[in-house]
Amino acid sequence: MRGNPVKIAAALCLLAAPLTACGGASAADAEVVTVYSADGLKGENGDGWYDRVFKDFESKTGIKVKYVEGGSGEMVQRAVREKANPQADVLVTLPPFIQQADSKGLLQKYAPAGADRVSGADKAADGTWTSVVNNYFGFVYNKKELKQPPATWEQLLDGRYKDKLQYSTPGVAGDGTAVLVKAVHDFGGKDAALAYLKKLQSNNVGPSASTGKLAPKVDKGELLVANGDVQMNFAQSKTMPNLGIWFPARQGGRPTTFALPYAAGLVTKAPHGANGRKLLDFMLGQQAQRQVSEIGGGFGVRQDVKATDANAIALTGLMDGVEVFSPDWSDIERNLGSYVEAWKSATGG
């Protein structure tokens, strides 16, 4: 073929357009999967559940995992902004944000292999998301400075916790929203919970978009108490010796918590949907599920995979005597905006 080399190249590019993108995405771009996730499953030193699962997945499939981390609400809002041109393939958040993502049309139906072994409470009835790691809400305290954690919510109002207490922001962080959910349950209603949190604000350091950043501050003694969740904090405690996990009770009541699973869904119009399906299948596979407690410090979601490692035994002991309640996530998702606004009004947050 003779003529101007630039024009010839352009013509060839146009002819090849249905098969490849000249000057744009390369063939290698097809071998990636992008994950938007709430924090907690990736280790501080490359030793978390995500670190192992992603490495094993890449080794087995040759598909590179691109990982983006933030608070649950932050990840959903990012996906909302990109809805016309999705960048993520898989979205992983805590409730009620996975329900929020579903209601906003961000997730498409896909039941990963093994989803039939997950209980109905841990997956969407319409098949748009499935939990991959079970978890429970909790708090952390500095074991070096405090011989015992404060047993009750009311004890946190004591002056010794002024500027030594912090919880992540409701509506932004999944665990921050969980503070509000637990307070409403423990105090018997929204108004009583907000009245308490208004009092607590005098001791609160201030907002935090990420719960994962609070535990290191507690371990160092910059904070005495912060919110968190069992999986993330149990994993962090391996390298943070001063970190202890506890569950506050209402004065005169029992300590309580609730399930706060990491739930994963395939993004609507995901740019690499086939790879996203493969990753979801892999995360729910028996090998990855056995590693949830062993490596991630969490609870597996497959009912046919029984963990017997030392971490699993320790986690079972940690939950002993703690009452587990079940939030109405559908109601919380529908009313989340009003709950958060009411919290902001009460606390000035």
Protein backbone atom coordinates (compact mmCIF):
# COMPACT_ATOMS: atom_id res chain seq x y z
CA MET A 1 0.00 0.00 0.00
CA ARG A 2 1.43 3.39 -1.03
CA GLY A 3 0.65 6.94 0.10
CA ASN A 4 1.00 9.09 3.22
CA PRO A 5 2.06 6.79 6.09
CA VAL A 6 0.01 8.78 8.65
CA LYS A 7 -3.16 8.56 6.54
CA ILE A 8 -2.56 4.87 5.89
CA ALA A 9 -2.16 4.23 9.62
CA ALA A 10 -5.36 6.16 10.32
CA ALA A 11 -7.23 4.17 7.69
CA LEU A 12 -5.98 0.90 9.14
CA CYS A 13 -7.03 2.03 12.59
CA LEU A 14 -10.56 2.76 11.38
CA LEU A 15 -10.78 -0.67 9.76
CA ALA A 16 -9.59 -2.31 12.96
CA ALA A 17 -11.82 -0.23 15.27
CA PRO A 18 -14.34 -2.98 16.01
CA LEU A 19 -11.52 -5.22 17.21
CA THR A 20 -9.18 -2.88 19.02
CA ALA A 21 -8.78 0.77 19.95
CA CYS A 22 -5.90 2.49 18.17
CA GLY A 23 -4.16 5.04 20.33
CA GLY A 24 -6.61 4.29 23.18
CA ALA A 25 -7.16 1.26 25.39
CA SER A 26 -4.74 -1.57 24.65
CA ALA A 27 -5.48 -5.27 24.61
CA ALA A 28 -3.81 -5.45 28.02
CA ASP A 29 -6.56 -3.23 29.46
CA ALA A 30 -8.96 -6.12 28.98
CA GLU A 31 -6.98 -8.10 31.56
CA VAL A 32 -7.93 -5.90 34.51
CA VAL A 33 -10.76 -5.68 37.03
CA THR A 34 -11.40 -2.56 39.10
CA VAL A 35 -12.71 -2.86 42.65
CA TYR A 36 -14.23 0.01 44.65
CA SER A 37 -14.32 -1.08 48.28
CA ALA A 38 -14.91 0.02 51.84
CA ASP A 39 -11.72 -0.15 53.89
CA GLY A 40 -10.90 -2.98 56.28
CA LEU A 41 -10.11 -6.00 54.13
CA LYS A 42 -6.72 -4.83 52.86
CA GLY A 43 -3.83 -5.15 55.31
CA GLU A 44 -1.66 -2.30 56.50
CA ASN A 45 1.42 -4.32 55.51
CA GLY A 46 0.08 -6.29 52.57
CA ASP A 47 -1.13 -9.06 54.87
CA GLY A 48 -4.91 -8.71 54.63
CA TRP A 49 -7.56 -10.92 53.09
CA TYR A 50 -7.76 -8.78 49.96
CA ASP A 51 -3.97 -8.92 49.58
CA ARG A 52 -3.99 -12.73 49.54
CA VAL A 53 -7.15 -13.15 47.48
CA PHE A 54 -6.14 -10.60 44.84
CA LYS A 55 -2.65 -12.10 44.56
CA ASP A 56 -4.05 -15.61 44.16
CA PHE A 57 -6.66 -14.39 41.67
CA GLU A 58 -4.04 -12.60 39.57
CA SER A 59 -1.80 -15.66 39.61
CA LYS A 60 -4.61 -18.00 38.56
CA THR A 61 -6.28 -15.81 35.91
CA GLY A 62 -3.67 -13.30 34.76
CA ILE A 63 -6.22 -10.54 35.46
CA LYS A 64 -4.78 -7.53 37.31
CA VAL A 65 -6.83 -6.11 40.18
CA LYS A 66 -7.02 -2.33 40.37
CA TYR A 67 -8.11 -1.35 43.87
CA VAL A 68 -9.74 1.87 45.09
CA GLU A 69 -10.56 2.26 48.79
CA GLY A 70 -12.66 4.64 50.87
CA GLY A 71 -15.65 4.85 53.16
CA SER A 72 -18.74 2.92 52.09
CA GLY A 73 -20.75 6.07 51.38
CA GLU A 74 -17.79 7.64 49.60
CA MET A 75 -17.47 4.65 47.25
CA VAL A 76 -21.18 4.67 46.43
CA GLN A 77 -21.14 8.39 45.71
CA ARG A 78 -18.15 7.97 43.43
CA ALA A 79 -19.98 5.24 41.53
CA VAL A 80 -23.03 7.50 41.28
CA ARG A 81 -20.94 10.29 39.73
CA GLU A 82 -19.53 7.81 37.22
CA LYS A 83 -22.85 6.14 36.42
CA ALA A 84 -22.91 7.42 32.83
CA ASN A 85 -19.37 6.14 32.31
CA PRO A 86 -18.66 3.43 34.92
CA GLN A 87 -15.05 2.92 35.97
CA ALA A 88 -15.55 0.17 38.56
CA ASP A 89 -16.41 -3.45 37.88
CA VAL A 90 -17.04 -4.61 41.45
CA LEU A 91 -18.42 -2.57 44.35
CA VAL A 92 -17.94 -3.74 47.96
CA THR A 93 -19.56 -1.84 50.83
CA LEU A 94 -21.13 -2.29 54.23
CA PRO A 95 -24.89 -1.95 54.69
CA PRO A 96 -26.95 0.16 54.27
CA PHE A 97 -24.77 1.41 51.43
CA ILE A 98 -24.94 -1.78 49.39
CA GLN A 99 -28.74 -1.44 49.54
CA GLN A 100 -28.36 2.21 48.56
CA ALA A 101 -26.19 1.25 45.59
CA ASP A 102 -28.85 -1.24 44.53
CA SER A 103 -31.67 1.31 44.82
CA LYS A 104 -29.70 3.76 42.67
CA GLY A 105 -29.34 1.21 39.88
CA LEU A 106 -25.58 0.84 40.33
CA LEU A 107 -25.65 -2.96 40.52
CA GLN A 108 -26.63 -5.61 38.00
CA LYS A 109 -27.91 -9.08 38.83
CA TYR A 110 -25.25 -11.71 39.25
CA ALA A 111 -25.19 -14.69 41.63
CA PRO A 112 -21.56 -15.79 42.07
CA ALA A 113 -20.71 -19.48 42.16
CA GLY A 114 -21.35 -20.61 45.73
CA ALA A 115 -24.02 -17.96 46.41
CA ASP A 116 -26.50 -20.79 46.98
CA ARG A 117 -24.43 -21.65 50.09
CA VAL A 118 -24.94 -18.15 51.55
CA SER A 119 -27.92 -17.52 53.84
CA GLY A 120 -30.77 -15.40 52.55
CA ALA A 121 -30.03 -12.63 55.08
CA ASP A 122 -26.55 -12.22 53.58
CA LYS A 123 -27.56 -11.62 49.97
CA ALA A 124 -30.04 -9.56 47.99
CA ALA A 125 -33.38 -11.12 47.17
CA ASP A 126 -33.08 -9.73 43.63
CA GLY A 127 -29.57 -11.15 43.14
CA THR A 128 -27.70 -7.85 42.87
CA TRP A 129 -25.27 -8.37 45.76
CA THR A 130 -23.84 -11.14 47.92
CA SER A 131 -21.87 -10.85 51.16
CA VAL A 132 -18.29 -12.08 50.84
CA VAL A 133 -17.09 -11.52 54.43
CA ASN A 134 -19.30 -11.45 57.49
CA ASN A 135 -18.49 -9.01 60.22
CA TYR A 136 -19.87 -7.31 63.32
CA PHE A 137 -19.88 -3.75 64.52
CA GLY A 138 -17.73 -2.89 67.52
CA PHE A 139 -15.51 -0.38 69.27
CA VAL A 140 -11.81 -0.32 70.12
CA TYR A 141 -9.95 0.94 73.19
CA ASN A 142 -6.34 1.38 74.25
CA LYS A 143 -5.50 -1.57 76.53
CA LYS A 144 -2.36 0.12 77.87
CA GLU A 145 -4.14 3.26 79.10
CA LEU A 146 -7.40 1.57 80.14
CA LYS A 147 -7.32 -1.60 82.23
CA GLN A 148 -10.90 -2.28 81.18
CA PRO A 149 -12.97 -0.75 78.38
CA PRO A 150 -15.85 1.52 79.37
CA ALA A 151 -18.73 -0.93 79.75
CA THR A 152 -21.54 1.45 78.84
CA TRP A 153 -22.42 4.30 76.51
CA GLU A 154 -22.96 6.49 79.57
CA GLN A 155 -19.37 6.04 80.75
CA LEU A 156 -18.14 7.61 77.51
CA LEU A 157 -19.59 10.94 78.69
CA ASP A 158 -16.92 11.09 81.43
CA GLY A 159 -14.45 13.97 81.19
CA ARG A 160 -11.47 11.63 80.86
CA TYR A 161 -12.55 10.94 77.27
CA LYS A 162 -12.61 14.58 76.20
CA ASP A 163 -10.65 14.84 72.93
CA LYS A 164 -9.73 11.17 73.38
CA LEU A 165 -12.78 9.75 71.64
CA GLN A 166 -13.68 9.74 67.96
CA TYR A 167 -16.12 7.97 65.67
CA SER A 168 -16.31 8.04 61.89
CA THR A 169 -18.95 10.13 60.17
CA PRO A 170 -22.46 8.70 59.69
CA GLY A 171 -23.52 8.83 56.05
CA VAL A 172 -19.91 8.77 54.87
CA ALA A 173 -18.38 5.72 56.56
CA GLY A 174 -20.23 2.43 56.99
CA ASP A 175 -18.97 1.98 60.54
CA GLY A 176 -19.87 5.59 61.31
CA THR A 177 -23.42 4.97 60.18
CA ALA A 178 -23.35 1.87 62.37
CA VAL A 179 -22.76 4.04 65.45
CA LEU A 180 -26.09 5.70 64.74
CA VAL A 181 -27.82 2.36 64.07
CA LYS A 182 -26.59 0.84 67.33
CA ALA A 183 -27.40 3.94 69.37
CA VAL A 184 -30.97 4.01 68.03
CA HIS A 185 -31.36 0.35 68.99
CA ASP A 186 -29.73 0.59 72.43
CA PHE A 187 -31.51 3.80 73.47
CA GLY A 188 -34.87 2.63 72.16
CA GLY A 189 -35.42 5.18 69.42
CA LYS A 190 -33.98 7.93 67.26
CA ASP A 191 -34.75 10.88 69.55
CA ALA A 192 -33.15 9.29 72.61
CA ALA A 193 -30.13 8.23 70.58
CA LEU A 194 -29.61 11.71 69.14
CA ALA A 195 -29.98 13.28 72.58
CA TYR A 196 -27.18 11.03 73.80
CA LEU A 197 -24.92 11.67 70.80
CA LYS A 198 -25.43 15.41 71.30
CA LYS A 199 -23.99 15.04 74.82
CA LEU A 200 -21.18 12.82 73.55
CA GLN A 201 -20.12 15.50 71.07
CA SER A 202 -18.31 17.45 73.80
CA ASN A 203 -15.80 14.58 74.03
CA ASN A 204 -15.63 13.81 70.29
CA VAL A 205 -12.49 14.89 68.43
CA GLY A 206 -14.45 15.46 65.23
CA PRO A 207 -15.39 13.92 61.89
CA SER A 208 -13.46 11.16 60.14
CA ALA A 209 -14.27 9.86 56.66
CA SER A 210 -12.44 6.58 57.27
CA THR A 211 -12.88 4.26 60.23
CA GLY A 212 -9.69 2.39 59.40
CA LYS A 213 -7.58 5.43 60.27
CA LEU A 214 -8.87 5.54 63.87
CA ALA A 215 -7.43 2.26 65.18
CA PRO A 216 -3.77 3.35 64.75
CA LYS A 217 -4.57 6.48 66.78
CA VAL A 218 -6.07 4.33 69.54
CA ASP A 219 -3.06 1.99 69.52
CA LYS A 220 -0.69 4.97 69.89
CA GLY A 221 -2.76 6.51 72.70
CA GLU A 222 -3.78 9.58 70.72
CA LEU A 223 -7.33 8.32 71.29
CA LEU A 224 -8.62 6.11 74.09
CA VAL A 225 -11.77 4.96 72.32
CA ALA A 226 -13.04 4.81 68.72
CA ASN A 227 -15.55 2.91 66.65
CA GLY A 228 -14.61 0.10 64.29
CA ASP A 229 -15.68 -3.40 63.39
CA VAL A 230 -14.59 -6.83 64.54
CA GLN A 231 -12.96 -8.04 61.32
CA MET A 232 -10.90 -4.93 60.64
CA ASN A 233 -9.85 -4.37 64.24
CA PHE A 234 -9.05 -8.04 64.92
CA ALA A 235 -6.76 -8.03 61.88
CA GLN A 236 -5.19 -4.72 62.96
CA SER A 237 -4.57 -5.99 66.50
CA LYS A 238 -1.94 -8.39 65.13
CA THR A 239 0.37 -5.41 64.58
CA MET A 240 -1.21 -3.00 67.10
CA PRO A 241 -0.60 -4.56 70.54
CA ASN A 242 -2.55 -1.93 72.49
CA LEU A 243 -5.78 -2.43 70.54
CA GLY A 244 -8.72 -4.07 72.33
CA ILE A 245 -12.24 -4.74 70.99
CA TRP A 246 -15.39 -4.16 73.02
CA PHE A 247 -19.15 -3.67 72.69
CA PRO A 248 -20.87 -0.92 74.70
CA ALA A 249 -24.12 -1.59 76.51
CA ARG A 250 -26.86 0.74 77.66
CA GLN A 251 -26.52 1.26 81.42
CA GLY A 252 -28.19 -1.74 83.06
CA GLY A 253 -28.34 -3.68 79.78
CA ARG A 254 -26.31 -6.23 77.84
CA PRO A 255 -23.58 -5.42 75.29
CA THR A 256 -25.02 -5.52 71.77
CA THR A 257 -23.88 -5.64 68.18
CA PHE A 258 -25.20 -6.51 64.74
CA ALA A 259 -23.92 -8.07 61.55
CA LEU A 260 -22.13 -5.64 59.28
CA PRO A 261 -21.01 -7.73 56.30
CA TYR A 262 -18.86 -6.69 53.37
CA ALA A 263 -21.28 -7.14 50.49
CA ALA A 264 -20.15 -7.23 46.86
CA GLY A 265 -21.99 -6.60 43.62
CA LEU A 266 -21.26 -6.35 39.91
CA VAL A 267 -21.48 -2.75 38.71
CA THR A 268 -24.09 -1.96 36.06
CA LYS A 269 -22.40 -1.64 32.66
CA ALA A 270 -19.07 -2.63 34.22
CA PRO A 271 -16.25 -1.98 31.73
CA HIS A 272 -14.79 -5.42 32.46
CA GLY A 273 -17.92 -7.29 33.52
CA ALA A 274 -16.62 -10.78 32.68
CA ASN A 275 -13.57 -10.20 34.86
CA GLY A 276 -15.78 -8.83 37.62
CA ARG A 277 -17.83 -12.04 37.57
CA LYS A 278 -14.66 -14.11 37.78
CA LEU A 279 -13.43 -12.12 40.80
CA LEU A 280 -16.78 -12.44 42.60
CA ASP A 281 -16.73 -16.20 41.97
CA PHE A 282 -13.19 -16.37 43.32
CA MET A 283 -13.94 -14.36 46.50
CA LEU A 284 -16.83 -16.68 47.27
CA GLY A 285 -14.82 -19.81 46.50
CA GLN A 286 -14.07 -22.32 49.25
CA GLN A 287 -10.36 -21.48 49.41
CA ALA A 288 -10.92 -17.73 49.81
CA GLN A 289 -13.72 -18.34 52.33
CA ARG A 290 -11.45 -20.53 54.48
CA GLN A 291 -8.96 -17.67 54.51
CA VAL A 292 -11.48 -15.11 55.81
CA SER A 293 -10.76 -15.90 59.48
CA GLU A 294 -7.26 -17.32 59.03
CA ILE A 295 -5.95 -14.23 57.23
CA GLY A 296 -8.62 -11.54 57.38
CA GLY A 297 -9.83 -11.93 60.95
CA GLY A 298 -13.44 -12.06 59.80
CA PHE A 299 -16.25 -14.56 59.45
CA GLY A 300 -16.86 -16.58 56.29
CA VAL A 301 -20.28 -16.38 54.67
CA ARG A 302 -20.53 -19.84 53.09
CA GLN A 303 -22.46 -22.19 55.32
CA ASP A 304 -20.59 -25.21 53.96
CA VAL A 305 -17.15 -23.82 54.91
CA LYS A 306 -16.42 -24.27 58.61
CA ALA A 307 -13.34 -22.44 59.89
CA THR A 308 -11.42 -24.15 62.72
CA ASP A 309 -8.24 -22.04 62.79
CA ALA A 310 -7.03 -20.20 65.91
CA ASN A 311 -8.49 -16.90 64.72
CA ALA A 312 -11.91 -18.45 64.22
CA ILE A 313 -11.85 -19.81 67.78
CA ALA A 314 -10.74 -16.44 69.18
CA LEU A 315 -13.44 -14.60 67.24
CA THR A 316 -16.11 -16.94 68.57
CA GLY A 317 -14.90 -16.23 72.11
CA LEU A 318 -14.93 -12.49 71.50
CA MET A 319 -18.62 -12.63 70.60
CA ASP A 320 -19.55 -14.68 73.65
CA GLY A 321 -22.23 -12.97 75.76
CA VAL A 322 -22.90 -10.25 73.18
CA GLU A 323 -26.49 -9.87 72.02
CA VAL A 324 -26.79 -9.74 68.22
CA PHE A 325 -29.76 -7.82 66.84
CA SER A 326 -30.97 -7.48 63.25
CA PRO A 327 -31.45 -3.94 61.87
CA ASP A 328 -34.14 -3.25 59.30
CA TRP A 329 -31.74 -2.34 56.50
CA SER A 330 -34.49 -1.56 54.01
CA ASP A 331 -35.96 1.03 56.37
CA ILE A 332 -32.52 2.42 57.18
CA GLU A 333 -31.63 2.73 53.49
CA ARG A 334 -34.91 4.53 52.71
CA ASN A 335 -34.51 6.95 55.61
CA LEU A 336 -30.73 7.26 55.74
CA GLY A 337 -30.72 10.85 54.48
CA SER A 338 -33.13 12.04 57.17
CA TYR A 339 -31.26 10.10 59.88
CA VAL A 340 -27.96 11.69 58.89
CA GLU A 341 -29.46 15.18 58.71
CA ALA A 342 -30.99 14.68 62.16
CA TRP A 343 -27.57 13.57 63.45
CA LYS A 344 -25.91 16.65 61.93
CA SER A 345 -28.54 18.90 63.48
CA ALA A 346 -28.13 17.32 66.91
CA THR A 347 -24.32 17.23 66.96
CA GLY A 348 -23.35 20.09 64.66
CA GLY A 349 -21.46 17.49 62.62
